[in-house]
Protein backbone atom coordinates (compact mmCIF):
# COMPACT_ATOMS: atom_id res chain seq x y z
CA MET A 1 91.59 163.38 111.41
CA LEU A 2 88.31 164.52 110.71
CA PRO A 3 87.63 167.53 109.19
CA THR A 4 86.59 170.77 111.12
CA GLN A 5 82.75 172.16 110.25
CA ALA A 6 84.77 175.39 108.90
CA GLN A 7 86.73 172.98 106.47
CA LEU A 8 83.09 171.40 105.75
CA LEU A 9 81.64 174.65 104.81
CA ALA A 10 84.03 176.27 102.89
CA ALA A 11 84.39 172.99 100.97
CA LYS A 12 80.66 173.45 99.65
CA SER A 13 81.36 176.64 98.58
CA ASP A 14 84.02 175.72 96.36
CA PRO A 15 83.27 172.73 94.11
CA GLU A 16 86.97 171.84 93.56
CA ALA A 17 87.73 171.61 97.12
CA LEU A 18 84.37 169.73 97.45
CA ASN A 19 85.47 167.01 95.16
CA ALA A 20 88.73 166.78 97.21
CA LEU A 21 87.20 166.40 100.74
CA VAL A 22 84.72 163.91 98.99
CA ASP A 23 87.71 162.21 98.13
CA ARG A 24 89.25 162.20 101.13
CA LEU A 25 86.79 161.47 103.29
CA GLU A 26 85.83 158.43 101.06
CA SER A 27 89.54 157.26 101.12
CA GLN A 28 89.25 157.21 104.83
CA ILE A 29 86.49 155.21 104.86
CA GLU A 30 88.25 152.61 102.51
CA SER A 31 91.08 152.63 104.70
CA GLY A 32 88.86 152.08 108.08
CA ARG A 33 87.31 148.99 106.20
CA GLN A 34 90.32 147.68 104.97
CA SER A 35 92.10 147.94 108.59
CA ILE A 36 88.97 146.03 109.95
CA ILE A 37 89.59 143.39 107.06
CA THR A 38 93.04 142.88 107.83
CA ALA A 39 92.77 142.95 111.52
CA GLU A 40 89.78 140.06 110.77
CA ALA A 41 92.14 138.16 108.85
CA ALA A 42 94.98 138.48 111.88
CA ALA A 43 92.67 137.20 114.16
CA LEU A 44 91.17 134.25 111.94
CA ASP A 45 94.67 133.47 110.44
CA ALA A 46 96.08 133.13 114.32
CA GLN A 47 92.94 131.05 115.35
CA ASP A 48 93.49 128.36 112.42
CA THR A 49 97.06 128.54 113.69
CA LEU A 50 95.96 127.60 117.38
CA LEU A 51 93.68 125.06 115.95
CA ASN A 52 96.71 123.08 114.14
CA ALA A 53 98.86 123.94 117.13
CA ASP A 54 95.96 122.10 119.55
CA GLN A 55 95.75 118.98 116.94
CA LEU A 56 99.87 118.79 116.81
CA LEU A 57 99.80 118.53 120.77
CA ALA A 58 97.40 115.89 120.93
CA GLU A 59 99.44 113.85 118.58
CA ARG A 60 102.77 114.56 120.16
CA THR A 61 101.46 113.75 123.37
CA GLN A 62 99.82 110.69 122.17
CA ALA A 63 102.93 109.55 120.36
CA ALA A 64 105.24 110.67 123.74
CA THR A 65 102.70 108.28 125.59
CA GLU A 66 102.89 105.52 123.23
CA ALA A 67 106.81 105.72 123.16
CA GLY A 68 106.96 104.93 126.95
CA THR A 69 104.93 102.40 126.77
CA GLU A 70 106.87 100.57 124.22
CA ALA A 71 110.28 101.77 125.67
CA GLU A 72 109.19 99.88 128.75
CA LYS A 73 108.14 96.64 126.60
CA ALA A 74 111.91 97.13 125.08
CA THR A 75 112.98 97.03 128.51
CA GLU A 76 111.10 93.84 129.59
CA PHE A 77 112.55 92.44 126.45
CA LEU A 78 115.95 93.49 127.64
CA LEU A 79 116.14 92.23 130.79
CA SER A 80 114.28 88.42 129.30
CA SER A 81 116.98 88.36 126.91
CA LYS A 82 119.95 89.18 129.59
CA GLU A 83 118.72 86.15 131.92
CA GLU A 84 118.46 83.58 129.06
CA VAL A 85 121.67 84.57 128.52
CA GLY A 86 122.85 84.32 131.64
CA ALA A 87 121.05 81.11 132.14
CA LEU A 88 123.31 79.77 129.05
CA ALA A 89 126.73 81.14 130.62
CA SER A 90 125.89 79.58 133.77
CA ASP A 91 125.34 76.13 132.34
CA LEU A 92 128.32 76.77 130.39
CA TYR A 93 130.25 77.30 133.23
CA ARG A 94 129.19 74.48 135.52
CA ASN A 95 129.87 72.30 132.43
CA GLY A 96 133.28 73.30 131.58
CA GLY A 97 131.90 75.01 128.31
CA ILE A 98 129.77 72.25 126.96
CA ASN A 99 125.91 72.55 127.12
CA PRO A 100 124.51 69.91 129.31
CA GLY A 101 122.30 68.72 126.36
CA VAL A 102 125.34 67.58 124.37
CA VAL A 103 126.54 65.93 127.55
CA THR A 104 123.19 64.00 127.66
CA LEU A 105 123.63 63.00 124.09
CA LEU A 106 127.37 61.96 124.40
CA GLU A 107 126.81 59.69 127.50
CA ASP A 108 123.42 58.09 125.90
CA THR A 109 124.53 54.44 124.82
CA GLU A 110 121.99 53.69 122.42
CA ASP A 111 123.51 53.63 118.96
CA ASN A 112 120.43 53.34 116.78
CA ASP A 113 119.45 57.17 116.51
CA VAL A 114 122.64 58.82 115.14
CA LEU A 115 120.69 60.96 113.26
CA TYR A 116 118.87 62.36 115.80
CA LYS A 117 121.79 63.28 118.29
CA ALA A 118 122.88 65.11 115.16
CA SER A 119 120.21 66.96 114.68
CA THR A 120 119.73 67.42 118.37
CA MET A 121 122.92 69.01 118.71
CA ASP A 122 122.45 71.08 115.80
CA ALA A 123 119.14 72.32 117.25
CA LEU A 124 121.19 73.06 120.11
CA SER A 125 124.01 75.08 118.63
CA ALA A 126 121.28 77.07 116.87
CA ASN A 127 119.68 77.52 119.62
CA ARG A 128 122.73 78.91 121.67
CA THR A 129 122.92 81.00 119.00
CA THR A 130 119.38 82.57 118.81
CA THR A 131 119.91 83.18 122.56
CA VAL A 132 122.84 85.25 121.99
CA SER A 133 121.50 86.75 118.83
CA ASN A 134 118.12 87.32 121.23
CA ALA A 135 120.39 89.54 123.43
CA GLU A 136 121.85 91.64 120.92
CA ASP A 137 118.45 92.42 119.25
CA ALA A 138 117.10 93.36 122.48
CA THR A 139 119.82 95.67 123.23
CA ALA A 140 119.97 97.27 119.95
CA LEU A 141 115.63 97.41 120.34
CA TRP A 142 116.17 98.78 123.89
CA THR A 143 118.65 101.79 122.60
CA ALA A 144 116.45 102.91 119.87
CA TRP A 145 113.14 102.83 121.82
CA GLN A 146 115.29 105.05 124.44
CA ASN A 147 116.35 107.29 121.98
CA TYR A 148 112.94 107.36 120.32
CA ALA A 149 110.77 107.95 123.34
CA ALA A 150 113.08 111.07 124.32
CA ASP A 151 112.42 112.35 120.88
CA ALA A 152 109.03 112.03 121.43
CA ALA A 153 108.97 113.56 124.72
CA GLU A 154 111.29 116.31 123.36
CA ALA A 155 108.79 116.83 120.52
CA ALA A 156 105.64 116.89 122.81
CA ASP A 157 107.45 119.89 124.67
CA ALA A 158 107.92 121.69 121.76
CA ALA A 159 104.63 121.08 120.74
CA THR A 160 103.76 122.77 123.91
CA GLU A 161 105.21 125.79 123.51
CA ALA A 162 103.99 126.16 119.88
CA GLN A 163 100.96 125.80 120.97
CA ARG A 164 100.92 128.33 124.26
CA THR A 165 102.58 130.71 121.72
CA ALA A 166 99.83 130.19 119.07
CA ALA A 167 97.20 130.45 122.14
CA THR A 168 98.63 134.33 123.15
CA GLU A 169 99.13 135.29 119.33
CA ALA A 170 95.52 134.12 118.97
CA THR A 171 94.51 135.85 121.94
CA THR A 172 96.16 138.84 121.02
CA THR A 173 94.91 139.39 117.49
CA LEU A 174 91.55 138.48 118.51
CA SER A 175 91.20 141.14 121.01
CA GLY A 176 92.74 144.18 118.70
CA TYR A 177 90.40 142.99 116.00
CA GLN A 178 87.24 143.49 118.64
CA ALA A 179 88.96 146.09 120.00
CA SER A 180 89.16 147.96 116.81
CA VAL A 181 85.41 147.14 115.26
CA ALA A 182 84.04 149.77 117.89
CA PRO A 183 85.97 152.41 117.08
CA GLN A 184 86.08 152.14 112.84
CA GLU A 185 82.28 151.72 113.03
CA LYS A 186 81.95 154.84 115.06
CA LEU A 187 84.25 156.88 113.10
CA ARG A 188 82.71 155.19 109.52
CA ASP A 189 79.72 156.73 110.66
CA GLU A 190 80.65 160.24 111.35
CA LEU A 191 82.44 160.34 107.88
CA ILE A 192 79.79 159.04 106.46
CA GLY A 193 77.44 161.44 107.86
CA GLN A 194 80.20 164.74 106.83
CA LEU A 195 79.90 163.22 103.53
CA ALA A 196 75.87 163.32 103.64
CA TYR A 197 76.38 166.88 104.73
CA LEU A 198 78.61 167.49 101.83
CA HIS A 199 75.86 166.09 99.39
CA GLU A 200 73.30 167.55 101.02
CA VAL A 201 71.70 164.12 101.49
CA ASP A 202 70.06 161.65 104.23
CA ALA A 203 72.88 159.72 106.14
CA ALA A 204 71.26 156.59 105.10
CA LYS A 205 71.28 157.57 101.72
CA GLU A 206 74.81 158.20 101.80
CA ALA A 207 75.93 155.27 103.80
CA GLU A 208 73.75 152.73 100.66
CA ARG A 209 75.95 154.83 97.91
CA ILE A 210 79.31 154.02 99.99
CA ALA A 211 78.09 150.74 100.64
CA GLU A 212 77.05 150.17 96.63
CA LYS A 213 80.50 151.40 95.46
CA GLU A 214 82.54 149.07 97.98
CA ALA A 215 80.37 146.15 96.60
CA ALA A 216 81.02 147.25 92.95
CA ALA A 217 84.78 147.54 93.92
CA GLU A 218 84.78 144.05 95.36
CA ALA A 219 83.13 142.42 92.25
CA LYS A 220 85.59 143.95 90.13
CA LYS A 221 87.94 142.72 92.08
CA LEU A 222 86.47 139.05 91.80
CA GLN A 223 86.22 139.53 88.48
CA GLU A 224 89.92 140.22 88.01
CA LEU A 225 90.67 137.04 89.96
CA ILE A 226 88.35 134.86 87.74
CA ASP A 227 90.10 136.35 84.61
CA ASN A 228 93.76 136.04 85.79
CA PRO A 229 93.86 133.34 88.46
CA ALA A 230 97.17 132.83 90.21
CA LYS A 231 99.03 129.60 90.11
CA ALA A 232 97.73 126.82 92.24
CA GLU A 233 100.49 125.97 94.38
CA PRO A 234 100.05 122.74 96.63
CA LEU A 235 99.75 123.85 100.18
CA VAL A 236 102.24 122.61 102.92
CA ILE A 237 101.02 123.01 106.48
CA GLN A 238 103.57 123.94 108.57
CA LEU A 239 104.59 126.00 112.15
CA ASP A 240 106.44 129.12 112.07
CA GLU A 241 110.06 128.54 111.70
CA GLU A 242 110.56 129.74 115.40
CA SER A 243 107.78 127.20 117.03
CA GLU A 244 108.22 124.88 114.44
CA VAL A 245 108.38 121.24 115.86
CA LYS A 246 110.77 118.44 113.91
CA PRO A 247 108.82 115.51 112.66
CA LEU A 248 109.39 112.15 114.90
CA ALA A 249 110.79 109.06 112.58
CA VAL A 250 108.98 105.86 112.32
CA PRO A 251 109.50 104.18 115.47
CA PRO A 252 110.47 100.70 116.08
CA LYS A 253 108.94 97.56 116.75
CA VAL A 254 108.75 95.59 119.53
CA PRO A 255 107.70 91.94 119.11
CA ASN A 256 104.56 92.38 121.44
CA GLU A 257 104.26 88.65 120.14
CA ARG A 258 106.85 87.16 122.14
CA PRO A 259 105.86 86.75 126.08
CA LYS A 260 108.90 87.41 128.52
CA GLY A 261 111.24 85.14 129.04
CA GLN A 262 109.75 82.37 126.06
CA ARG A 263 112.66 82.00 123.49
CA LEU A 264 112.00 82.17 119.70
CA VAL A 265 112.98 78.32 119.41
CA PRO A 266 112.22 75.65 122.23
CA LYS A 267 114.98 74.82 124.68
CA ALA A 268 116.58 71.84 122.91
CA PRO A 269 118.06 70.22 126.34
CA GLU A 270 114.68 69.92 127.90
CA LEU A 271 113.46 68.26 124.33
CA ALA A 272 116.54 66.14 124.28
CA VAL A 273 116.09 65.01 128.33
CA ALA A 274 112.37 64.92 127.67
CA ILE A 275 112.59 62.35 125.25
CA PRO A 276 113.56 58.63 126.34
CA PRO A 277 115.64 56.25 124.23
CA LYS A 278 112.23 54.24 123.63
CA VAL A 279 110.55 57.14 122.00
CA ARG A 280 113.56 57.48 119.94
CA GLU A 281 113.84 53.95 119.02
CA GLU A 282 109.87 54.11 117.86
CA GLU A 283 110.80 57.13 116.05
CA SER A 284 113.91 55.30 114.20
CA ALA A 285 112.14 52.43 113.42
CA PRO A 286 109.80 54.09 110.99
CA GLU A 287 113.30 56.11 109.76
CA PRO A 288 114.42 52.88 107.94
CA LYS A 289 111.01 52.07 106.54
CA PRO A 290 111.88 55.36 103.97
CA GLU A 291 114.75 53.59 103.44
CA ALA A 292 113.11 50.36 102.14
CA THR A 293 111.26 52.84 100.23
CA GLU A 294 113.64 53.99 98.65
CA ALA A 295 115.18 50.48 97.46
CA PRO A 296 111.99 50.03 95.38
CA ALA A 297 111.94 53.49 94.18
CA PRO A 298 114.24 53.12 91.12
CA LYS A 299 112.63 50.37 90.02
CA PRO A 300 109.11 52.05 89.63
CA THR A 301 110.81 54.44 87.59
CA PRO A 302 111.34 52.18 84.90
CA LYS A 303 107.84 50.67 85.31
CA PRO A 304 106.04 53.70 84.46
CA GLU A 305 106.79 52.18 80.99
CA VAL A 306 106.40 49.21 81.49
CA PRO A 307 102.51 49.24 82.77
CA LYS A 308 102.01 50.87 79.28
CA GLU A 309 103.01 47.84 77.67
CA THR A 310 101.41 45.58 80.10
CA VAL A 311 98.06 47.50 79.64
CA LYS A 312 98.37 46.28 75.55
CA PRO A 313 98.62 42.42 76.60
CA LYS A 314 95.69 42.47 79.10
CA PRO A 315 92.93 43.45 76.93
CA LYS A 316 94.09 40.68 74.59
CA PRO A 317 93.23 37.67 77.31
CA GLU A 318 90.22 39.54 78.58
CA PRO A 319 88.06 41.50 75.79
CA THR A 320 86.18 43.32 78.39
CA GLN A 321 89.19 45.61 78.57
CA ALA A 322 89.05 46.85 75.43
CA PRO A 323 88.44 50.43 76.57
CA ALA A 324 91.50 49.80 78.10
CA PRO A 325 93.40 51.45 75.32
CA LYS A 326 91.16 54.36 75.46
CA PRO A 327 91.89 55.08 78.75
CA THR A 328 96.15 54.43 78.23
CA PRO A 329 96.54 58.21 79.51
CA LYS A 330 94.88 57.17 82.42
CA PRO A 331 97.14 54.69 83.73
CA GLU A 332 99.19 57.96 84.87
CA ALA A 333 97.36 56.31 87.73
CA PRO A 334 99.52 57.81 90.55
CA LYS A 335 96.88 55.25 92.61
CA GLU A 336 99.01 52.63 91.14
CA THR A 337 101.81 53.96 92.59
CA VAL A 338 100.91 52.77 95.99
CA LYS A 339 101.63 49.03 94.38
CA PRO A 340 105.76 49.80 95.33
CA LYS A 341 104.42 49.58 98.71
CA PRO A 342 104.39 45.47 98.22
CA LYS A 343 107.62 44.54 97.68
CA PRO A 344 106.22 41.33 95.40
CA GLU A 345 105.61 42.35 91.80
CA PRO A 346 102.19 40.77 91.47
CA THR A 347 100.65 44.03 90.36
CA GLN A 348 98.01 42.38 88.59
CA ALA A 349 96.50 40.95 92.09
CA PRO A 350 96.03 44.71 93.29
CA ALA A 351 94.76 45.40 90.05
CA PRO A 352 91.41 43.52 89.96
CA LYS A 353 90.70 45.06 93.22
CA PRO A 354 91.17 48.28 91.95
CA THR A 355 89.70 47.68 88.77
CA PRO A 356 85.77 48.10 89.76
CA LYS A 357 87.22 51.50 91.21
CA PRO A 358 88.77 52.64 87.96
CA GLU A 359 86.06 51.48 86.20
CA ALA A 360 83.58 53.77 88.44
CA PRO A 361 85.84 56.72 87.00
CA LYS A 362 85.25 55.57 83.59
CA GLU A 363 81.83 55.35 84.01
CA THR A 364 81.91 58.73 85.04
CA VAL A 365 84.09 59.66 82.07
CA LYS A 366 81.24 58.46 79.73
CA PRO A 367 78.37 60.45 81.10
CA LYS A 368 80.69 63.40 81.14
CA PRO A 369 80.90 64.30 77.55
CA LYS A 370 77.07 63.69 76.89
CA PRO A 371 75.57 65.49 80.49
CA SER A 372 78.31 67.43 81.53
CA PRO A 373 78.08 70.13 78.81
CA LYS A 374 74.29 71.03 79.45
CA PRO A 375 74.72 71.04 82.87
CA THR A 376 77.60 73.19 82.97
CA ILE A 377 76.58 75.65 80.83
CA ALA A 378 73.33 76.32 82.05
CA PRO A 379 74.94 77.36 85.53
CA GLN A 380 77.15 79.49 83.78
CA ALA A 381 74.50 81.24 81.72
CA PRO A 382 72.53 82.86 84.90
CA LYS A 383 75.81 83.75 86.29
CA GLU A 384 76.71 85.56 83.46
CA SER A 385 73.30 87.12 82.65
CA ILE A 386 73.78 88.45 86.44
CA LYS A 387 77.32 89.78 86.15
CA PRO A 388 76.04 92.79 83.49
CA LYS A 389 73.37 93.79 85.41
CA PRO A 390 75.49 95.47 88.56
CA GLU A 391 77.67 96.35 86.36
CA PRO A 392 75.64 99.54 85.38
CA LYS A 393 74.89 99.83 89.00
CA PRO A 394 78.23 101.47 89.67
CA GLU A 395 77.18 104.88 88.22
CA PRO A 396 78.01 107.33 91.36
CA PRO A 397 78.63 110.80 88.82
CA GLN A 398 75.95 112.47 90.90
CA SER A 399 78.77 114.15 93.22
CA SER A 400 76.84 117.85 92.64
CA GLY A 401 73.69 116.20 93.97
CA ASN A 402 75.70 114.63 97.29
CA TYR A 403 75.85 118.03 98.22
CA ASN A 404 72.30 118.75 98.91
CA SER A 405 72.28 117.32 102.38
CA ALA A 406 75.04 119.75 103.20
CA ILE A 407 73.69 122.67 101.98
CA ASP A 408 70.08 122.34 103.62
CA TRP A 409 71.56 121.65 106.97
CA GLY A 410 74.08 124.84 106.47
CA GLN A 411 70.97 126.96 105.48
CA SER A 412 68.78 125.71 107.86
CA THR A 413 71.52 126.79 110.40
CA ALA A 414 71.92 129.95 109.17
CA ASN A 415 68.11 130.71 109.63
CA ASP A 416 68.06 129.46 113.06
CA ASN A 417 68.85 132.46 115.41
CA SER A 418 69.83 129.96 118.36
CA LYS A 419 72.73 129.10 116.06
CA GLY A 420 76.10 131.67 116.04
CA TYR A 421 79.91 131.86 115.49
CA VAL A 422 82.36 131.20 117.83
CA PHE A 423 86.19 131.42 117.63
CA GLY A 424 87.49 127.79 117.72
CA ALA A 425 83.78 126.56 118.46
CA ASN A 426 82.95 122.85 117.25
CA GLY A 427 79.37 123.12 117.34
CA PRO A 428 76.35 121.81 117.78
CA THR A 429 75.22 125.83 118.79
CA ASN A 430 78.13 127.60 117.76
CA TYR A 431 80.76 127.24 114.92
CA ASP A 432 83.62 129.26 113.34
CA CYS A 433 84.01 128.95 109.43
CA SER A 434 85.68 125.75 109.33
CA SER A 435 83.57 123.73 111.70
CA PHE A 436 80.81 124.70 110.17
CA THR A 437 81.71 123.29 106.90
CA LYS A 438 82.59 120.55 108.25
CA ALA A 439 79.35 119.65 109.77
CA ALA A 440 77.92 120.45 106.82
CA PHE A 441 79.33 118.15 104.90
CA SER A 442 79.09 115.44 107.30
CA LYS A 443 75.67 115.57 106.41
CA SER A 444 76.27 114.48 103.28
CA GLY A 445 78.98 111.80 104.34
CA ILE A 446 81.78 113.77 103.36
CA GLY A 447 84.65 114.11 106.12
CA LEU A 448 86.59 117.07 106.27
CA PRO A 449 89.78 118.27 108.26
CA ARG A 450 89.16 120.76 110.77
CA THR A 451 91.05 123.84 109.58
CA SER A 452 90.59 125.89 106.62
CA SER A 453 94.10 125.28 105.40
CA GLN A 454 93.51 121.55 106.21
CA GLN A 455 90.20 121.55 103.85
CA TYR A 456 92.30 123.33 101.27
CA ALA A 457 94.95 121.09 101.18
CA ALA A 458 92.96 117.75 101.01
CA ALA A 459 90.48 118.88 98.59
CA PRO A 460 90.93 116.43 95.57
CA ASN A 461 90.62 118.54 93.02
CA LYS A 462 91.79 122.73 93.22
CA VAL A 463 89.24 124.33 90.54
CA PRO A 464 90.03 127.97 89.43
CA LEU A 465 87.08 130.20 90.40
CA SER A 466 85.94 130.40 86.93
CA GLN A 467 84.96 127.03 87.36
CA LEU A 468 83.03 127.28 90.25
CA ARG A 469 80.04 124.77 90.98
CA ARG A 470 77.58 124.25 93.72
CA GLY A 471 79.17 122.75 96.75
CA ASP A 472 82.64 123.79 96.27
CA LEU A 473 84.61 125.54 99.31
CA VAL A 474 86.25 129.02 98.49
CA PHE A 475 88.75 129.76 100.63
CA SER A 476 90.74 133.08 101.60
CA SER A 477 94.29 133.84 102.46
CA SER A 478 96.09 136.68 103.74
CA ASN A 479 99.61 135.35 102.43
CA GLY A 480 98.96 134.51 98.93
CA GLY A 481 97.77 130.68 99.42
CA SER A 482 100.63 129.69 102.10
CA SER A 483 97.63 129.18 104.72
CA PHE A 484 93.78 130.05 105.05
CA TYR A 485 91.79 131.66 107.42
CA HIS A 486 88.53 131.38 106.03
CA VAL A 487 86.26 129.06 104.29
CA ALA A 488 82.41 129.08 102.53
CA ILE A 489 80.32 126.70 100.56
CA TYR A 490 79.57 128.24 96.95
CA LEU A 491 75.70 128.02 96.45
CA GLY A 492 76.04 128.78 92.71
CA GLY A 493 74.68 132.01 90.97
CA GLY A 494 77.43 133.85 92.49
CA GLN A 495 76.63 133.18 96.58
CA VAL A 496 77.87 131.60 99.29
CA LEU A 497 77.13 130.25 102.66
CA HIS A 498 79.30 130.97 105.47
CA ALA A 499 80.22 131.85 109.31
CA ARG A 500 81.50 134.96 108.71
CA ASN A 501 82.24 136.49 112.07
CA PRO A 502 80.75 137.00 115.77
CA ALA A 503 78.93 140.41 114.09
CA SER A 504 77.76 138.57 111.39
CA GLY A 505 77.12 135.05 112.41
CA ILE A 506 75.91 132.50 109.88
CA SER A 507 74.43 133.76 106.52
CA VAL A 508 74.41 133.50 102.91
CA THR A 509 76.19 136.31 101.09
CA PRO A 510 77.44 137.26 97.70
CA LEU A 511 80.83 135.57 96.30
CA SER A 512 82.40 139.06 96.38
CA TRP A 513 82.25 139.79 99.89
CA VAL A 514 84.41 137.09 100.93
CA ASN A 515 87.66 139.39 101.67
CA ASN A 516 91.01 137.99 100.83
CA LEU A 517 89.86 135.47 98.36
CA HIS A 518 91.83 133.10 96.69
CA SER A 519 92.15 132.23 92.76
CA TYR A 520 91.15 128.33 93.41
CA ALA A 521 88.51 126.77 95.19
CA GLY A 522 88.44 123.00 96.64
CA ARG A 523 86.26 120.32 95.25
CA TYR A 524 85.54 116.93 97.47
C-alpha cells in the first residue's frame, strides 16, 4: 500500500522515520520490478516450451504418417508372401507332396546332365525354403510395423495433448505478464513520486537515481556471477513429467527394393522347364573341357621347374638368347601357362611365336632403367610442389570474424523501426529472442536451432562469462539452467544485442540488463 499524505508529512519532520519510509518505498519499487521480471520470465519460458512442443508435434505427426505408410508396405509384403506360400502348397498338394520341378527332372531321360539335375534340385529345395522363410519374415515384419505404427499414433496423440497444454500455459502466462506490466509501471511512478516528495527533488531526477541504483545492483550481481560461475551441466531438453511423450524406438525396415509378388530367388521349376535338354547338352559339353584341363593340370605343376632348366639349353644353340639368363625370372610367364592348353608338348613351336612378343617387353625393360627414372621423377616433383601449397591454405581460425555479418545485420535490424518483437514470431518483420539470433547467425553461415534451450544445448563450446568474446551467445534461465527462455548476442565491451520484449523491441543494452543471466555462454 502507498503511504498516506499524512505519513509523508510526518516522515519529513523526523529523519529516522524519513529513512525508514524511503527504504520502504524503494523496497516496494524493487519488489514490483522483480514481479515484472518473474512474470516476463514465466511468459518467455512458456513460449519456449510451446515452441518445443510445436516441433515435437510436427516430428511425431510425420513419424506417425510414415509409420502408416510403411505398415501398408509390410501388409503388401505379407500378402505377397502368403500368395507364394499358397502357390507352393497347392503345387505340392497336386503332385502328392513332390515339387513339379522335381518331377520334370526325374522324368527327363537324358543321362548326361546329372550334375545339372542335382544342382537344380538343390535350387528347388532352396527356393521352397526361401519362400517359407520369406513368409515368416513377412509375418514378423508386419507385426513389428503394426506395433510401431500404433506406438507412433499414440505418441502423436500425446504430442498433440502436450502442445495443447503448452499453448494454454503460454497464453495464460503471457496474459498475466501483459496484464501486470501497466499496473506495476503505474505503481512504480507513484512510488518514485513520493520519494521525490520526501527528497524534495524532481520526479525525473528521482527516477534516474532509482535506475542508477538498480543498474549498480545488477552490475554487482553480474560480477559475482563472473567471479563464482556455477558448474556447467549438460542441458537435456524434455517436457514436463505430466506431458512427457515417450520416445519412439527405431522403426523396422521394409525391403522396398523387392517388388510385390517377386521371390528373393527365381523359381527353379520355371528354369528347369524353360531350359530344353539340348541346351543342357551344350552346357554339359563345356563341362568335360575343364575335366580335360584338370588332367594336364598336374603335369604343368612340375613343368614350371622344367622350363627354368629348359631355358638354360636354349641360350646354347641360340646365341641370340644370351639375354635369356637375365629374364630368367620372367619365365614366371603366366602367359606360357597358356601352353598347357595344347596337349602336345612341343612348347618350342609356340615359343618362337610369342618370342617376338616377349622381346618387346624386354626392350621395354631396357629403356625403363634409363629414361624411366627421369620422367617419373619429373611428374612427381610438380605434384609434390603443389601439395605443400594448399596445406597452408586451410587456415580458418577466423571464427571471431565470422560473426561480423551476423552482428552487422542484427544492429541494422535493431535500428529499423519497422522491425519489432512478437512472441513466437519468426521474421522477417517481427522476431522473438531466439528467432532473432537464428536469423542473425544465418547471415554468417551458422545454423542455429529454433529455441533458446536448443541453442544453448547445441553450442559446441560452453564458456564462463569471464571468457566472453564477441559473437558468444548469453542465456537467461529461471531454473538454474534446466531450460532457457532468453538469448542475446554478446558484442564485447559489456554490451549485448537482443530482441528483448514487446515493449523494448530489438536493441543493444548492457549485459547486466539481461535478467536471470546464466553463468555460461554458448560459443559456435
